Amino acid sequence: MGRCDRLRTEIAVYLEDVGDANTLEILDHLNTRFRWGATMNQIGNVLARDRRFSKAGYMEGLADSGFRQRLCIWSLVAN
């Protein structure tokens, strides 16, 4: 089992249940689901490099600090 295989399968299961989700929602789910958690960089790399996931769009808004925040919305690729 590779380094990120558990993260990949859990993200796939989460997106099957929820449908589309942004990167922050996926990160929050993984950090509550697993004891060791994950970083935003890990999640971004896993989502970008796995062919099961595709970008469905972007979501823009303001972060708590007042800065503009742009998050990717991810979905499962239909087989």
N, C-alpha and C. Protein backbone atom coordinates (compact mmCIF):
# COMPACT_ATOMS: atom_id res chain seq x y z
N MET A 1 0.85 -1.17 0.00
CA MET A 1 0.00 0.00 0.00
C MET A 1 0.89 1.23 0.00
N GLY A 2 0.61 2.14 -0.90
CA GLY A 2 1.41 3.35 -1.03
C GLY A 2 1.16 4.33 0.10
N ARG A 3 1.86 5.40 0.01
CA ARG A 3 1.82 6.40 1.05
C ARG A 3 0.46 7.07 1.19
N CYS A 4 -0.19 7.34 0.08
CA CYS A 4 -1.45 8.10 0.10
C CYS A 4 -2.66 7.26 -0.31
N ASP A 5 -2.53 5.94 -0.34
CA ASP A 5 -3.64 5.11 -0.80
C ASP A 5 -4.86 5.22 0.10
N ARG A 6 -4.66 5.31 1.40
CA ARG A 6 -5.81 5.46 2.31
C ARG A 6 -6.51 6.78 2.08
N LEU A 7 -5.73 7.84 1.84
CA LEU A 7 -6.33 9.14 1.56
C LEU A 7 -7.12 9.10 0.26
N ARG A 8 -6.55 8.48 -0.77
CA ARG A 8 -7.22 8.40 -2.06
C ARG A 8 -8.55 7.66 -1.97
N THR A 9 -8.55 6.51 -1.31
CA THR A 9 -9.79 5.74 -1.22
C THR A 9 -10.82 6.45 -0.35
N GLU A 10 -10.39 7.11 0.71
CA GLU A 10 -11.34 7.82 1.56
C GLU A 10 -11.93 9.03 0.85
N ILE A 11 -11.13 9.71 0.04
CA ILE A 11 -11.66 10.83 -0.74
C ILE A 11 -12.68 10.33 -1.75
N ALA A 12 -12.40 9.21 -2.40
CA ALA A 12 -13.33 8.65 -3.37
C ALA A 12 -14.65 8.27 -2.71
N VAL A 13 -14.58 7.65 -1.53
CA VAL A 13 -15.80 7.27 -0.80
C VAL A 13 -16.58 8.53 -0.39
N TYR A 14 -15.86 9.54 0.09
CA TYR A 14 -16.50 10.79 0.51
C TYR A 14 -17.20 11.47 -0.66
N LEU A 15 -16.54 11.53 -1.82
CA LEU A 15 -17.15 12.18 -2.98
C LEU A 15 -18.32 11.36 -3.53
N GLU A 16 -18.30 10.04 -3.37
CA GLU A 16 -19.46 9.23 -3.75
C GLU A 16 -20.66 9.57 -2.88
N ASP A 17 -20.43 9.76 -1.59
CA ASP A 17 -21.52 10.05 -0.66
C ASP A 17 -22.06 11.47 -0.83
N VAL A 18 -21.15 12.44 -0.94
CA VAL A 18 -21.53 13.85 -0.92
C VAL A 18 -21.82 14.39 -2.31
N GLY A 19 -21.11 13.90 -3.30
CA GLY A 19 -21.17 14.50 -4.63
C GLY A 19 -19.96 15.40 -4.80
N ASP A 20 -20.18 16.63 -5.21
CA ASP A 20 -19.09 17.58 -5.35
C ASP A 20 -18.73 18.19 -4.01
N ALA A 21 -17.44 18.45 -3.80
CA ALA A 21 -16.97 19.07 -2.57
C ALA A 21 -15.74 19.90 -2.87
N ASN A 22 -15.55 20.98 -2.10
CA ASN A 22 -14.35 21.78 -2.32
C ASN A 22 -13.19 21.22 -1.50
N THR A 23 -12.01 21.74 -1.75
CA THR A 23 -10.80 21.21 -1.14
C THR A 23 -10.84 21.32 0.38
N LEU A 24 -11.37 22.40 0.89
CA LEU A 24 -11.43 22.61 2.34
C LEU A 24 -12.37 21.61 3.01
N GLU A 25 -13.50 21.31 2.38
CA GLU A 25 -14.42 20.32 2.93
C GLU A 25 -13.78 18.93 2.95
N ILE A 26 -13.04 18.60 1.91
CA ILE A 26 -12.34 17.31 1.85
C ILE A 26 -11.28 17.24 2.94
N LEU A 27 -10.53 18.32 3.11
CA LEU A 27 -9.50 18.38 4.15
C LEU A 27 -10.10 18.22 5.54
N ASP A 28 -11.19 18.92 5.81
CA ASP A 28 -11.85 18.80 7.11
C ASP A 28 -12.35 17.38 7.36
N HIS A 29 -12.91 16.76 6.33
CA HIS A 29 -13.39 15.38 6.47
C HIS A 29 -12.24 14.43 6.80
N LEU A 30 -11.14 14.54 6.08
CA LEU A 30 -10.00 13.65 6.31
C LEU A 30 -9.39 13.87 7.69
N ASN A 31 -9.33 15.11 8.14
CA ASN A 31 -8.73 15.38 9.44
C ASN A 31 -9.62 14.94 10.59
N THR A 32 -10.92 14.84 10.38
CA THR A 32 -11.79 14.29 11.42
C THR A 32 -11.87 12.77 11.34
N ARG A 33 -11.68 12.24 10.15
CA ARG A 33 -11.79 10.80 9.94
C ARG A 33 -10.57 10.03 10.42
N PHE A 34 -9.37 10.56 10.13
CA PHE A 34 -8.14 9.87 10.47
C PHE A 34 -7.44 10.54 11.63
N ARG A 35 -6.74 9.74 12.38
CA ARG A 35 -6.03 10.24 13.55
C ARG A 35 -4.85 11.12 13.15
N TRP A 36 -4.15 10.74 12.06
CA TRP A 36 -2.94 11.46 11.67
C TRP A 36 -3.23 12.68 10.80
N GLY A 37 -4.38 12.71 10.15
CA GLY A 37 -4.77 13.86 9.34
C GLY A 37 -3.97 14.01 8.07
N ALA A 38 -4.09 15.16 7.45
CA ALA A 38 -3.40 15.45 6.20
C ALA A 38 -3.22 16.95 6.09
N THR A 39 -2.32 17.37 5.21
CA THR A 39 -2.11 18.80 4.98
C THR A 39 -2.80 19.20 3.68
N MET A 40 -2.96 20.49 3.49
CA MET A 40 -3.59 20.99 2.28
C MET A 40 -2.75 20.64 1.05
N ASN A 41 -1.43 20.66 1.18
CA ASN A 41 -0.57 20.30 0.05
C ASN A 41 -0.75 18.83 -0.33
N GLN A 42 -0.84 17.96 0.65
CA GLN A 42 -1.07 16.54 0.36
C GLN A 42 -2.37 16.34 -0.38
N ILE A 43 -3.42 16.98 0.09
CA ILE A 43 -4.74 16.83 -0.52
C ILE A 43 -4.73 17.36 -1.95
N GLY A 44 -4.11 18.52 -2.16
CA GLY A 44 -4.03 19.09 -3.50
C GLY A 44 -3.29 18.18 -4.46
N ASN A 45 -2.18 17.59 -4.01
CA ASN A 45 -1.42 16.68 -4.87
C ASN A 45 -2.19 15.40 -5.17
N VAL A 46 -2.85 14.86 -4.17
CA VAL A 46 -3.63 13.63 -4.38
C VAL A 46 -4.75 13.88 -5.37
N LEU A 47 -5.47 14.97 -5.20
CA LEU A 47 -6.60 15.26 -6.08
C LEU A 47 -6.15 15.58 -7.51
N ALA A 48 -5.03 16.27 -7.65
CA ALA A 48 -4.58 16.68 -8.98
C ALA A 48 -3.98 15.52 -9.76
N ARG A 49 -3.39 14.54 -9.08
CA ARG A 49 -2.66 13.49 -9.77
C ARG A 49 -3.42 12.18 -9.94
N ASP A 50 -4.56 12.06 -9.30
CA ASP A 50 -5.35 10.84 -9.43
C ASP A 50 -6.42 11.06 -10.51
N ARG A 51 -6.53 10.12 -11.44
CA ARG A 51 -7.45 10.26 -12.56
C ARG A 51 -8.91 10.07 -12.17
N ARG A 52 -9.16 9.57 -10.97
CA ARG A 52 -10.55 9.38 -10.53
C ARG A 52 -11.22 10.71 -10.19
N PHE A 53 -10.44 11.76 -9.95
CA PHE A 53 -10.98 13.05 -9.51
C PHE A 53 -10.78 14.09 -10.61
N SER A 54 -11.77 14.98 -10.75
CA SER A 54 -11.65 16.07 -11.72
C SER A 54 -12.17 17.35 -11.10
N LYS A 55 -11.63 18.47 -11.58
CA LYS A 55 -12.09 19.77 -11.11
C LYS A 55 -13.43 20.07 -11.74
N ALA A 56 -14.38 20.41 -10.91
CA ALA A 56 -15.71 20.74 -11.40
C ALA A 56 -15.91 22.25 -11.50
N GLY A 57 -14.99 23.01 -10.93
CA GLY A 57 -15.10 24.47 -10.97
C GLY A 57 -14.33 25.09 -9.82
N TYR A 58 -14.63 26.36 -9.60
CA TYR A 58 -13.99 27.12 -8.53
C TYR A 58 -15.05 27.79 -7.67
N MET A 59 -14.67 28.05 -6.43
CA MET A 59 -15.55 28.74 -5.49
C MET A 59 -14.75 29.89 -4.90
N GLU A 60 -15.26 31.09 -5.03
CA GLU A 60 -14.54 32.25 -4.52
C GLU A 60 -15.29 32.84 -3.34
N GLY A 61 -14.52 33.39 -2.41
CA GLY A 61 -15.11 34.02 -1.25
C GLY A 61 -14.04 34.67 -0.42
N LEU A 62 -14.42 35.11 0.76
CA LEU A 62 -13.48 35.74 1.67
C LEU A 62 -13.16 34.79 2.81
N ALA A 63 -11.89 34.71 3.14
CA ALA A 63 -11.47 33.90 4.28
C ALA A 63 -11.77 34.67 5.57
N ASP A 64 -11.58 34.02 6.70
CA ASP A 64 -11.82 34.66 7.99
C ASP A 64 -10.92 35.86 8.20
N SER A 65 -9.74 35.84 7.60
CA SER A 65 -8.80 36.94 7.77
C SER A 65 -9.12 38.12 6.87
N GLY A 66 -10.08 37.99 5.98
CA GLY A 66 -10.47 39.08 5.12
C GLY A 66 -9.85 39.02 3.73
N PHE A 67 -8.97 38.08 3.50
CA PHE A 67 -8.36 37.94 2.19
C PHE A 67 -9.25 37.11 1.27
N ARG A 68 -9.09 37.34 -0.02
CA ARG A 68 -9.86 36.58 -1.01
C ARG A 68 -9.36 35.14 -1.04
N GLN A 69 -10.27 34.22 -1.11
CA GLN A 69 -9.93 32.80 -1.10
C GLN A 69 -10.59 32.13 -2.31
N ARG A 70 -9.81 31.33 -3.02
CA ARG A 70 -10.34 30.60 -4.18
C ARG A 70 -10.09 29.12 -3.96
N LEU A 71 -11.16 28.34 -3.90
CA LEU A 71 -11.07 26.91 -3.67
C LEU A 71 -11.57 26.16 -4.90
N CYS A 72 -10.93 25.03 -5.19
CA CYS A 72 -11.37 24.17 -6.28
C CYS A 72 -12.50 23.27 -5.80
N ILE A 73 -13.45 23.03 -6.67
CA ILE A 73 -14.53 22.08 -6.39
C ILE A 73 -14.18 20.81 -7.16
N TRP A 74 -14.23 19.67 -6.47
CA TRP A 74 -13.81 18.39 -7.03
C TRP A 74 -14.99 17.44 -7.14
N SER A 75 -14.94 16.58 -8.15
CA SER A 75 -15.96 15.55 -8.33
C SER A 75 -15.29 14.27 -8.82
N LEU A 76 -16.03 13.18 -8.77
CA LEU A 76 -15.55 11.92 -9.31
C LEU A 76 -15.78 11.87 -10.81
N VAL A 77 -14.84 11.27 -11.51
CA VAL A 77 -14.99 11.10 -12.96
C VAL A 77 -15.94 9.94 -13.20
N ALA A 78 -16.89 10.14 -14.09
CA ALA A 78 -17.85 9.07 -14.40
C ALA A 78 -17.16 8.02 -15.25
N ASN A 79 -17.33 6.76 -14.87
CA ASN A 79 -16.72 5.66 -15.63
C ASN A 79 -17.66 5.13 -16.66
